[in-house]
Amino acid sequence: MKNKTLSNSRRNFIRRGSFAVAAAATLPTFNLHAANTPSLEIPKGSTILLQGDSITDAGRDKARYYANDASGMGRGYVYQIVAELLGTEPTSELRFYNRGISGHKVFQLANRWEDDCLQLAPDVLSILIGVNDFWHKINGRYDGTVKIYDKDLRKLLDRTKKALPNVKLILGEPFAVKGGSAIGPEWAADFPAYREAAQSIAKDYGAVFIPYQRIFDEALKIAPVSYWCPDGVHPSMAGAHLMAKAWIEGYRSLYPVSYTHLTLPTKRIV
């Protein structure tokens, strides 16, 4: 009886593991790096700054503003990014800062840019902004338009490139996850223009573009919105994980080297 029970347990474990692998293979593709992956060829001591609104802020302690301070990274995708890269790049002496602030729109980033960006002189600047530029318009708290969003973000990047000509840029796509409690029908009609503007800006400024909308759209085929991003705007822990994985792949593309990749099966293993 004991051996039979152990045998059943082993079969169940294999089935569960195989299902997880098959499910993972249908999510947006990420490169999984083997343990012997060579170190990134990045400048030692690089400063990486992540900027944005509440999705980036994620409840960070704003009094803990020093590099790599865990409490200052929030509970979202930024924390997961920093933990992963500090853990896998211990000799690179990377310095991470989170300066996202809940509720902010592009013009509010501009108002604090000297202190929260330029004086930090980042080697890599990541910006995820735009959801409030639309959301606050439809709830009556802001009178901006997609043209203002586009103009303000381009002006901010021009200012940044003038002060920091060698900065590398990562631009996240603003997203709205279908079915979330905060996502009404007006989002489907008008919000895509903000996403398109962000993608166009990324192309024009040579920024790495992180397609968060596609990532969440694909994730909904595996689990419901309540699992990934309950209100459609603020990701769960699982949603933040998807964001972090995509961001890290984008970051790695800034420093192309040869990697050893693990290949996920495309079929379920029985």
C-alpha atoms as a PDB file:
ATOM      1  CA  MET A   1       0.000   0.000   0.000  1.00  0.00           C
ATOM      2  CA  LYS A   2       2.813   2.396   0.882  1.00  0.00           C
ATOM      3  CA  ASN A   3       4.613   1.777  -2.431  1.00  0.00           C
ATOM      4  CA  LYS A   4       1.364   2.256  -4.362  1.00  0.00           C
ATOM      5  CA  THR A   5       0.737   5.567  -2.569  1.00  0.00           C
ATOM      6  CA  LEU A   6       4.262   6.782  -3.361  1.00  0.00           C
ATOM      7  CA  SER A   7       3.854   5.743  -6.989  1.00  0.00           C
ATOM      8  CA  ASN A   8       0.592   7.678  -7.281  1.00  0.00           C
ATOM      9  CA  SER A   9       2.222  10.699  -5.674  1.00  0.00           C
ATOM     10  CA  ARG A  10       5.072  10.576  -8.175  1.00  0.00           C
ATOM     11  CA  ARG A  11       2.638  10.379 -11.116  1.00  0.00           C
ATOM     12  CA  ASN A  12       0.610  13.291  -9.763  1.00  0.00           C
ATOM     13  CA  PHE A  13       3.751  15.353  -9.263  1.00  0.00           C
ATOM     14  CA  ILE A  14       4.886  14.676 -12.842  1.00  0.00           C
ATOM     15  CA  ARG A  15       1.455  15.564 -14.222  1.00  0.00           C
ATOM     16  CA  ARG A  16       1.334  18.820 -12.243  1.00  0.00           C
ATOM     17  CA  GLY A  17       4.844  19.744 -13.294  1.00  0.00           C
ATOM     18  CA  SER A  18       4.158  18.913 -16.926  1.00  0.00           C
ATOM     19  CA  PHE A  19       0.997  21.025 -16.912  1.00  0.00           C
ATOM     20  CA  ALA A  20       2.907  23.970 -15.463  1.00  0.00           C
ATOM     21  CA  VAL A  21       5.550  23.701 -18.187  1.00  0.00           C
ATOM     22  CA  ALA A  22       2.905  23.463 -20.910  1.00  0.00           C
ATOM     23  CA  ALA A  23       1.073  26.476 -19.481  1.00  0.00           C
ATOM     24  CA  ALA A  24       4.277  28.451 -19.266  1.00  0.00           C
ATOM     25  CA  ALA A  25       5.030  27.688 -22.896  1.00  0.00           C
ATOM     26  CA  THR A  26       1.788  29.389 -23.958  1.00  0.00           C
ATOM     27  CA  LEU A  27       2.517  32.609 -22.057  1.00  0.00           C
ATOM     28  CA  PRO A  28       4.533  35.399 -23.717  1.00  0.00           C
ATOM     29  CA  THR A  29       7.959  33.955 -24.403  1.00  0.00           C
ATOM     30  CA  PHE A  30      10.797  34.698 -22.041  1.00  0.00           C
ATOM     31  CA  ASN A  31      14.321  33.328 -22.131  1.00  0.00           C
ATOM     32  CA  LEU A  32      15.087  31.200 -19.101  1.00  0.00           C
ATOM     33  CA  HIS A  33      18.788  31.349 -18.367  1.00  0.00           C
ATOM     34  CA  ALA A  34      20.705  28.314 -17.242  1.00  0.00           C
ATOM     35  CA  ALA A  35      22.814  28.347 -14.097  1.00  0.00           C
ATOM     36  CA  ASN A  36      26.025  28.594 -16.145  1.00  0.00           C
ATOM     37  CA  THR A  37      24.856  31.685 -18.045  1.00  0.00           C
ATOM     38  CA  PRO A  38      27.807  34.063 -18.491  1.00  0.00           C
ATOM     39  CA  SER A  39      27.666  37.393 -16.715  1.00  0.00           C
ATOM     40  CA  LEU A  40      26.119  40.315 -18.561  1.00  0.00           C
ATOM     41  CA  GLU A  41      28.690  42.486 -20.254  1.00  0.00           C
ATOM     42  CA  ILE A  42      27.452  45.692 -18.672  1.00  0.00           C
ATOM     43  CA  PRO A  43      29.459  48.614 -17.311  1.00  0.00           C
ATOM     44  CA  LYS A  44      30.402  47.919 -13.716  1.00  0.00           C
ATOM     45  CA  GLY A  45      28.572  50.156 -11.270  1.00  0.00           C
ATOM     46  CA  SER A  46      25.745  51.083 -13.659  1.00  0.00           C
ATOM     47  CA  THR A  47      22.852  53.123 -12.296  1.00  0.00           C
ATOM     48  CA  ILE A  48      19.370  51.977 -13.314  1.00  0.00           C
ATOM     49  CA  LEU A  49      16.392  54.244 -12.604  1.00  0.00           C
ATOM     50  CA  LEU A  50      12.773  53.128 -12.862  1.00  0.00           C
ATOM     51  CA  GLN A  51      10.194  55.885 -13.175  1.00  0.00           C
ATOM     52  CA  GLY A  52       6.430  56.002 -13.411  1.00  0.00           C
ATOM     53  CA  ASP A  53       3.168  56.026 -11.501  1.00  0.00           C
ATOM     54  CA  SER A  54       1.558  53.695  -8.937  1.00  0.00           C
ATOM     55  CA  ILE A  55       2.422  50.563 -10.911  1.00  0.00           C
ATOM     56  CA  THR A  56       6.095  51.412 -10.459  1.00  0.00           C
ATOM     57  CA  ASP A  57       5.665  52.971  -7.002  1.00  0.00           C
ATOM     58  CA  ALA A  58       3.857  49.872  -5.646  1.00  0.00           C
ATOM     59  CA  GLY A  59       3.824  51.200  -2.075  1.00  0.00           C
ATOM     60  CA  ARG A  60       7.529  51.958  -1.821  1.00  0.00           C
ATOM     61  CA  ASP A  61       8.829  53.754   1.279  1.00  0.00           C
ATOM     62  CA  LYS A  62       9.791  57.139  -0.159  1.00  0.00           C
ATOM     63  CA  ALA A  63      11.988  57.886   2.834  1.00  0.00           C
ATOM     64  CA  ARG A  64      14.182  54.931   1.820  1.00  0.00           C
ATOM     65  CA  TYR A  65      15.583  56.509  -1.310  1.00  0.00           C
ATOM     66  CA  TYR A  66      19.102  55.077  -1.407  1.00  0.00           C
ATOM     67  CA  ALA A  67      20.191  52.626  -4.082  1.00  0.00           C
ATOM     68  CA  ASN A  68      19.146  48.982  -3.664  1.00  0.00           C
ATOM     69  CA  ASP A  69      17.159  49.621  -0.485  1.00  0.00           C
ATOM     70  CA  ALA A  70      14.532  46.873  -0.412  1.00  0.00           C
ATOM     71  CA  SER A  71      11.888  49.012   1.311  1.00  0.00           C
ATOM     72  CA  GLY A  72      12.375  51.685  -1.323  1.00  0.00           C
ATOM     73  CA  MET A  73      11.631  49.327  -4.200  1.00  0.00           C
ATOM     74  CA  GLY A  74       7.959  48.765  -3.430  1.00  0.00           C
ATOM     75  CA  ARG A  75       6.088  45.466  -3.714  1.00  0.00           C
ATOM     76  CA  GLY A  76       5.674  45.341  -7.481  1.00  0.00           C
ATOM     77  CA  TYR A  77       7.603  44.561 -10.619  1.00  0.00           C
ATOM     78  CA  VAL A  78      10.519  46.807  -9.650  1.00  0.00           C
ATOM     79  CA  TYR A  79      11.278  44.769  -6.531  1.00  0.00           C
ATOM     80  CA  GLN A  80      11.281  41.570  -8.573  1.00  0.00           C
ATOM     81  CA  ILE A  81      13.581  43.091 -11.197  1.00  0.00           C
ATOM     82  CA  VAL A  82      16.057  44.325  -8.613  1.00  0.00           C
ATOM     83  CA  ALA A  83      16.064  41.043  -6.683  1.00  0.00           C
ATOM     84  CA  GLU A  84      16.688  39.039  -9.849  1.00  0.00           C
ATOM     85  CA  LEU A  85      19.479  41.197 -11.248  1.00  0.00           C
ATOM     86  CA  LEU A  86      21.267  41.757  -7.945  1.00  0.00           C
ATOM     87  CA  GLY A  87      21.093  38.032  -7.323  1.00  0.00           C
ATOM     88  CA  THR A  88      22.400  37.038 -10.752  1.00  0.00           C
ATOM     89  CA  GLU A  89      24.934  39.862 -11.185  1.00  0.00           C
ATOM     90  CA  PRO A  90      26.744  40.065  -7.810  1.00  0.00           C
ATOM     91  CA  THR A  91      29.992  41.389  -9.286  1.00  0.00           C
ATOM     92  CA  SER A  92      28.428  44.112 -11.461  1.00  0.00           C
ATOM     93  CA  GLU A  93      27.805  46.536  -8.566  1.00  0.00           C
ATOM     94  CA  LEU A  94      24.487  47.664 -10.063  1.00  0.00           C
ATOM     95  CA  ARG A  95      22.643  50.539  -8.379  1.00  0.00           C
ATOM     96  CA  PHE A  96      18.860  50.559  -8.673  1.00  0.00           C
ATOM     97  CA  TYR A  97      16.481  53.396  -7.825  1.00  0.00           C
ATOM     98  CA  ASN A  98      12.683  53.426  -7.839  1.00  0.00           C
ATOM     99  CA  ARG A  99      11.162  56.889  -8.214  1.00  0.00           C
ATOM    100  CA  GLY A 100       7.627  55.993  -9.258  1.00  0.00           C
ATOM    101  CA  ILE A 101       4.887  58.034  -7.571  1.00  0.00           C
ATOM    102  CA  SER A 102       1.262  56.943  -7.429  1.00  0.00           C
ATOM    103  CA  GLY A 103      -1.165  58.995  -9.510  1.00  0.00           C
ATOM    104  CA  HIS A 104       1.436  60.722 -11.614  1.00  0.00           C
ATOM    105  CA  LYS A 105       1.085  61.728 -15.233  1.00  0.00           C
ATOM    106  CA  VAL A 106       3.821  62.825 -17.632  1.00  0.00           C
ATOM    107  CA  PHE A 107       3.745  66.502 -16.640  1.00  0.00           C
ATOM    108  CA  GLN A 108       4.214  65.529 -12.990  1.00  0.00           C
ATOM    109  CA  LEU A 109       7.293  63.496 -13.875  1.00  0.00           C
ATOM    110  CA  ALA A 110       8.612  66.615 -15.607  1.00  0.00           C
ATOM    111  CA  ASN A 111       8.002  68.739 -12.499  1.00  0.00           C
ATOM    112  CA  ARG A 112      10.292  66.523 -10.398  1.00  0.00           C
ATOM    113  CA  TRP A 113      12.722  65.436 -13.113  1.00  0.00           C
ATOM    114  CA  GLU A 114      15.763  67.347 -11.886  1.00  0.00           C
ATOM    115  CA  ASP A 115      15.707  65.700  -8.452  1.00  0.00           C
ATOM    116  CA  ASP A 116      14.248  62.330  -9.393  1.00  0.00           C
ATOM    117  CA  CYS A 117      16.160  61.667 -12.586  1.00  0.00           C
ATOM    118  CA  LEU A 118      18.845  64.052 -13.819  1.00  0.00           C
ATOM    119  CA  GLN A 119      20.769  64.348 -10.558  1.00  0.00           C
ATOM    120  CA  LEU A 120      20.892  60.543 -10.335  1.00  0.00           C
ATOM    121  CA  ALA A 121      22.513  60.464 -13.799  1.00  0.00           C
ATOM    122  CA  PRO A 122      21.195  56.999 -14.708  1.00  0.00           C
ATOM    123  CA  ASP A 123      22.963  54.840 -17.261  1.00  0.00           C
ATOM    124  CA  VAL A 124      19.623  53.149 -17.940  1.00  0.00           C
ATOM    125  CA  LEU A 125      16.300  54.956 -17.566  1.00  0.00           C
ATOM    126  CA  SER A 126      13.034  53.016 -17.572  1.00  0.00           C
ATOM    127  CA  ILE A 127       9.712  54.857 -17.804  1.00  0.00           C
ATOM    128  CA  LEU A 128       6.212  53.391 -17.522  1.00  0.00           C
ATOM    129  CA  ILE A 129       3.671  56.205 -17.704  1.00  0.00           C
ATOM    130  CA  GLY A 130       0.351  56.909 -19.381  1.00  0.00           C
ATOM    131  CA  VAL A 131      -2.462  55.108 -17.608  1.00  0.00           C
ATOM    132  CA  ASN A 132      -3.269  58.147 -15.438  1.00  0.00           C
ATOM    133  CA  ASP A 133      -2.992  60.493 -18.404  1.00  0.00           C
ATOM    134  CA  PHE A 134      -6.080  58.653 -19.677  1.00  0.00           C
ATOM    135  CA  TRP A 135      -7.752  57.397 -16.484  1.00  0.00           C
ATOM    136  CA  HIS A 136      -7.773  60.789 -14.790  1.00  0.00           C
ATOM    137  CA  LYS A 137      -9.266  62.319 -17.898  1.00  0.00           C
ATOM    138  CA  ILE A 138     -12.290  60.038 -17.920  1.00  0.00           C
ATOM    139  CA  ASN A 139     -12.888  60.481 -14.175  1.00  0.00           C
ATOM    140  CA  GLY A 140     -12.742  64.263 -14.463  1.00  0.00           C
ATOM    141  CA  ARG A 141      -9.463  64.856 -12.629  1.00  0.00           C
ATOM    142  CA  TYR A 142      -7.438  65.903 -15.679  1.00  0.00           C
ATOM    143  CA  ASP A 143      -8.150  67.537 -19.022  1.00  0.00           C
ATOM    144  CA  GLY A 144      -5.264  66.054 -21.019  1.00  0.00           C
ATOM    145  CA  THR A 145      -5.423  64.354 -24.400  1.00  0.00           C
ATOM    146  CA  VAL A 146      -3.325  61.775 -26.207  1.00  0.00           C
ATOM    147  CA  LYS A 147      -1.678  64.628 -28.120  1.00  0.00           C
ATOM    148  CA  ILE A 148      -0.648  66.230 -24.827  1.00  0.00           C
ATOM    149  CA  TYR A 149       0.642  62.875 -23.597  1.00  0.00           C
ATOM    150  CA  ASP A 150       2.707  62.435 -26.746  1.00  0.00           C
ATOM    151  CA  LYS A 151       4.039  65.996 -26.681  1.00  0.00           C
ATOM    152  CA  ASP A 152       4.856  65.943 -22.947  1.00  0.00           C
ATOM    153  CA  LEU A 153       6.680  62.607 -23.099  1.00  0.00           C
ATOM    154  CA  ARG A 154       8.739  63.616 -26.119  1.00  0.00           C
ATOM    155  CA  LYS A 155       9.664  66.887 -24.436  1.00  0.00           C
ATOM    156  CA  LEU A 156      10.716  64.992 -21.298  1.00  0.00           C
ATOM    157  CA  LEU A 157      12.895  62.622 -23.303  1.00  0.00           C
ATOM    158  CA  ASP A 158      14.456  65.509 -25.246  1.00  0.00           C
ATOM    159  CA  ARG A 159      15.338  67.144 -21.940  1.00  0.00           C
ATOM    160  CA  THR A 160      16.787  63.886 -20.651  1.00  0.00           C
ATOM    161  CA  LYS A 161      18.878  63.159 -23.733  1.00  0.00           C
ATOM    162  CA  LYS A 162      20.260  66.703 -23.695  1.00  0.00           C
ATOM    163  CA  ALA A 163      21.425  66.330 -20.103  1.00  0.00           C
ATOM    164  CA  LEU A 164      22.386  62.639 -20.375  1.00  0.00           C
ATOM    165  CA  PRO A 165      23.276  61.976 -24.018  1.00  0.00           C
ATOM    166  CA  ASN A 166      24.488  58.427 -23.376  1.00  0.00           C
ATOM    167  CA  VAL A 167      21.515  57.242 -21.336  1.00  0.00           C
ATOM    168  CA  LYS A 168      19.888  54.007 -22.530  1.00  0.00           C
ATOM    169  CA  LEU A 169      16.091  54.072 -22.556  1.00  0.00           C
ATOM    170  CA  ILE A 170      13.445  51.479 -21.754  1.00  0.00           C
ATOM    171  CA  LEU A 171       9.845  52.513 -22.360  1.00  0.00           C
ATOM    172  CA  GLY A 172       7.013  50.409 -20.978  1.00  0.00           C
ATOM    173  CA  GLU A 173       3.685  50.240 -22.773  1.00  0.00           C
ATOM    174  CA  PRO A 174       0.794  51.600 -20.689  1.00  0.00           C
ATOM    175  CA  PHE A 175      -1.770  48.838 -20.386  1.00  0.00           C
ATOM    176  CA  ALA A 176      -5.342  48.088 -19.353  1.00  0.00           C
ATOM    177  CA  VAL A 177      -6.188  44.462 -18.651  1.00  0.00           C
ATOM    178  CA  LYS A 178      -9.583  43.477 -20.044  1.00  0.00           C
ATOM    179  CA  GLY A 179     -12.167  42.545 -17.426  1.00  0.00           C
ATOM    180  CA  GLY A 180     -10.537  44.442 -14.581  1.00  0.00           C
ATOM    181  CA  SER A 181     -12.910  46.172 -12.157  1.00  0.00           C
ATOM    182  CA  ALA A 182     -11.689  49.650 -13.147  1.00  0.00           C
ATOM    183  CA  ILE A 183     -11.825  49.058 -16.914  1.00  0.00           C
ATOM    184  CA  GLY A 184     -14.999  50.358 -18.556  1.00  0.00           C
ATOM    185  CA  PRO A 185     -16.024  50.326 -22.238  1.00  0.00           C
ATOM    186  CA  GLU A 186     -14.403  53.712 -22.879  1.00  0.00           C
ATOM    187  CA  TRP A 187     -10.973  52.130 -22.378  1.00  0.00           C
ATOM    188  CA  ALA A 188     -11.382  49.908 -25.449  1.00  0.00           C
ATOM    189  CA  ALA A 189     -12.363  52.863 -27.583  1.00  0.00           C
ATOM    190  CA  ASP A 190      -9.838  55.511 -26.552  1.00  0.00           C
ATOM    191  CA  PHE A 191      -6.937  54.054 -24.571  1.00  0.00           C
ATOM    192  CA  PRO A 192      -5.220  52.214 -27.467  1.00  0.00           C
ATOM    193  CA  ALA A 193      -4.131  55.599 -28.842  1.00  0.00           C
ATOM    194  CA  TYR A 194      -1.972  56.112 -25.742  1.00  0.00           C
ATOM    195  CA  ARG A 195      -0.369  52.718 -26.215  1.00  0.00           C
ATOM    196  CA  GLU A 196       0.304  53.475 -29.868  1.00  0.00           C
ATOM    197  CA  ALA A 197       1.839  56.826 -28.935  1.00  0.00           C
ATOM    198  CA  ALA A 198       4.191  55.141 -26.459  1.00  0.00           C
ATOM    199  CA  GLN A 199       5.300  52.618 -29.063  1.00  0.00           C
ATOM    200  CA  SER A 200       5.897  55.345 -31.644  1.00  0.00           C
ATOM    201  CA  ILE A 201       7.932  57.378 -29.144  1.00  0.00           C
ATOM    202  CA  ALA A 202      10.029  54.335 -28.232  1.00  0.00           C
ATOM    203  CA  LYS A 203      10.852  53.802 -31.905  1.00  0.00           C
ATOM    204  CA  ASP A 204      11.720  57.456 -32.493  1.00  0.00           C
ATOM    205  CA  TYR A 205      14.024  57.632 -29.471  1.00  0.00           C
ATOM    206  CA  GLY A 206      15.680  54.258 -29.909  1.00  0.00           C
ATOM    207  CA  ALA A 207      14.218  52.944 -26.660  1.00  0.00           C
ATOM    208  CA  VAL A 208      13.596  49.301 -25.816  1.00  0.00           C
ATOM    209  CA  PHE A 209       9.798  48.911 -25.858  1.00  0.00           C
ATOM    210  CA  ILE A 210       8.173  46.499 -23.399  1.00  0.00           C
ATOM    211  CA  PRO A 211       4.775  45.355 -24.799  1.00  0.00           C
ATOM    212  CA  TYR A 212       2.918  44.946 -21.527  1.00  0.00           C
ATOM    213  CA  GLN A 213      -0.525  44.948 -23.138  1.00  0.00           C
ATOM    214  CA  ARG A 214       0.269  41.907 -25.280  1.00  0.00           C
ATOM    215  CA  ILE A 215       1.840  40.183 -22.299  1.00  0.00           C
ATOM    216  CA  PHE A 216      -1.310  40.544 -20.203  1.00  0.00           C
ATOM    217  CA  ASP A 217      -3.608  39.716 -23.136  1.00  0.00           C
ATOM    218  CA  GLU A 218      -1.730  36.429 -23.576  1.00  0.00           C
ATOM    219  CA  ALA A 219      -1.730  35.756 -19.843  1.00  0.00           C
ATOM    220  CA  LEU A 220      -5.541  35.957 -19.785  1.00  0.00           C
ATOM    221  CA  LYS A 221      -5.618  32.791 -21.882  1.00  0.00           C
ATOM    222  CA  ILE A 222      -4.099  30.939 -18.928  1.00  0.00           C
ATOM    223  CA  ALA A 223      -5.762  32.525 -15.875  1.00  0.00           C
ATOM    224  CA  PRO A 224      -8.436  35.208 -15.275  1.00  0.00           C
ATOM    225  CA  VAL A 225      -7.873  38.905 -14.757  1.00  0.00           C
ATOM    226  CA  SER A 226      -8.412  38.439 -11.016  1.00  0.00           C
ATOM    227  CA  TYR A 227      -5.209  36.388 -10.943  1.00  0.00           C
ATOM    228  CA  TRP A 228      -3.000  38.774 -12.927  1.00  0.00           C
ATOM    229  CA  CYS A 229      -4.394  42.266 -12.400  1.00  0.00           C
ATOM    230  CA  PRO A 230      -7.723  42.478 -10.520  1.00  0.00           C
ATOM    231  CA  ASP A 231      -8.627  46.097 -11.300  1.00  0.00           C
ATOM    232  CA  GLY A 232      -7.044  45.973 -14.752  1.00  0.00           C
ATOM    233  CA  VAL A 233      -4.416  48.582 -13.841  1.00  0.00           C
ATOM    234  CA  HIS A 234      -2.472  47.429 -10.780  1.00  0.00           C
ATOM    235  CA  PRO A 235      -0.874  43.992 -11.198  1.00  0.00           C
ATOM    236  CA  SER A 236      -1.009  41.253  -8.606  1.00  0.00           C
ATOM    237  CA  MET A 237       2.199  39.581  -7.474  1.00  0.00           C
ATOM    238  CA  ALA A 238       1.827  37.188 -10.414  1.00  0.00           C
ATOM    239  CA  GLY A 239       1.229  40.049 -12.839  1.00  0.00           C
ATOM    240  CA  ALA A 240       4.261  41.878 -11.492  1.00  0.00           C
ATOM    241  CA  HIS A 241       6.275  38.741 -12.163  1.00  0.00           C
ATOM    242  CA  LEU A 242       5.260  38.789 -15.837  1.00  0.00           C
ATOM    243  CA  MET A 243       6.232  42.447 -16.050  1.00  0.00           C
ATOM    244  CA  ALA A 244       9.589  41.859 -14.395  1.00  0.00           C
ATOM    245  CA  LYS A 245      10.449  38.945 -16.691  1.00  0.00           C
ATOM    246  CA  ALA A 246       9.656  41.019 -19.781  1.00  0.00           C
ATOM    247  CA  TRP A 247      11.562  44.034 -18.467  1.00  0.00           C
ATOM    248  CA  ILE A 248      14.668  41.978 -17.721  1.00  0.00           C
ATOM    249  CA  GLU A 249      14.664  40.571 -21.243  1.00  0.00           C
ATOM    250  CA  GLY A 250      14.418  44.111 -22.579  1.00  0.00           C
ATOM    251  CA  TYR A 251      17.240  45.224 -20.320  1.00  0.00           C
ATOM    252  CA  ARG A 252      19.455  42.350 -21.425  1.00  0.00           C
ATOM    253  CA  SER A 253      18.897  43.330 -25.046  1.00  0.00           C
ATOM    254  CA  LEU A 254      20.738  46.580 -24.319  1.00  0.00           C
ATOM    255  CA  TYR A 255      23.914  44.572 -23.778  1.00  0.00           C
ATOM    256  CA  PRO A 256      23.827  41.776 -26.376  1.00  0.00           C
ATOM    257  CA  VAL A 257      26.016  38.810 -25.561  1.00  0.00           C
ATOM    258  CA  SER A 258      25.744  35.069 -26.133  1.00  0.00           C
ATOM    259  CA  TYR A 259      23.554  33.273 -23.621  1.00  0.00           C
ATOM    260  CA  THR A 260      22.816  29.662 -22.851  1.00  0.00           C
ATOM    261  CA  HIS A 261      19.054  29.235 -22.922  1.00  0.00           C
ATOM    262  CA  LEU A 262      16.791  26.571 -21.503  1.00  0.00           C
ATOM    263  CA  THR A 263      14.210  25.483 -24.081  1.00  0.00           C
ATOM    264  CA  LEU A 264      10.680  24.899 -22.850  1.00  0.00           C
ATOM    265  CA  PRO A 265       8.743  21.983 -24.398  1.00  0.00           C
ATOM    266  CA  THR A 266       5.866  23.077 -26.623  1.00  0.00           C
ATOM    267  CA  LYS A 267       3.800  19.953 -25.932  1.00  0.00           C
ATOM    268  CA  ARG A 268       2.485  18.549 -22.708  1.00  0.00           C
ATOM    269  CA  ILE A 269       4.579  15.683 -21.353  1.00  0.00           C
ATOM    270  CA  VAL A 270       2.480  12.738 -20.190  1.00  0.00           C
END
